[in-house]
């Protein structure tokens, strides 16, 4: 079990911004596409986290439309992390939003914690396989194999934690598009895969190694680095990427 730190290379590409860049605003959307109308027509489960945040914030500012604001906050902080913040003043300063809006976000997060009892990880940093194992405690005793993706920003913080598939990790069934689609959507610069072995043996199978090899190569083409693939059991873990490159 190796604990060497992951390294996220700087692959920033600087381009000239379009002279007349125009961000999508709430008023640009057709009525059926606006968050409030979508919620009334289809229920809250039909809305993205960004749309739910826009409903919570209600309005934007003179500098930023409410949709643009909610997209930026969720993108920069991550879907879970932003609602895990308890310090409204800190959120206001770091996110560059009015204090009253930061208070709305903190209050919504607190309601979720009180009624559903789920603590959010909040700015979890992933530096090595041990960090992955410590973060994914819920995977250690699952009865079925789950493939999980931890999507990271340039500071190695989790911006999205997502279940990619449930069932045996098979090189013929797990496709790069399923893994990297989320990375592209949330602007991740790197990711770590993890899956559990219900058998209790953390040794990677031939399929585990093949999946890792294929996804490393796919990530190189997209400029999104697969830092590791960690096998998790109740009492141990193994870094596929570190030991089987």
Foldseek 3Di string as FASTA:
>chain_A
DDFAWFDQDDPDDDDDDDPDDDDDAQVNDDQCPQLVNVCVVPNPVVDDLLRVLLVLLVAADPVDGSSRLSLQLLLVFASQQLLLDQDLVVCCVVSVGDSVSSVSSPVVSVVCCVPPVDHGPHFQAGTGLVSVQVVPLVQAQDPWKWKWKFFAANRRTGRDIGTQDTHDQALVPDDLCSHCVVCVVSVGQEMEIEIEDNVQDQDDDPRRLNNVVVNQVVCVVVNYHHRFYWYHHNPDIDTSVVPPD
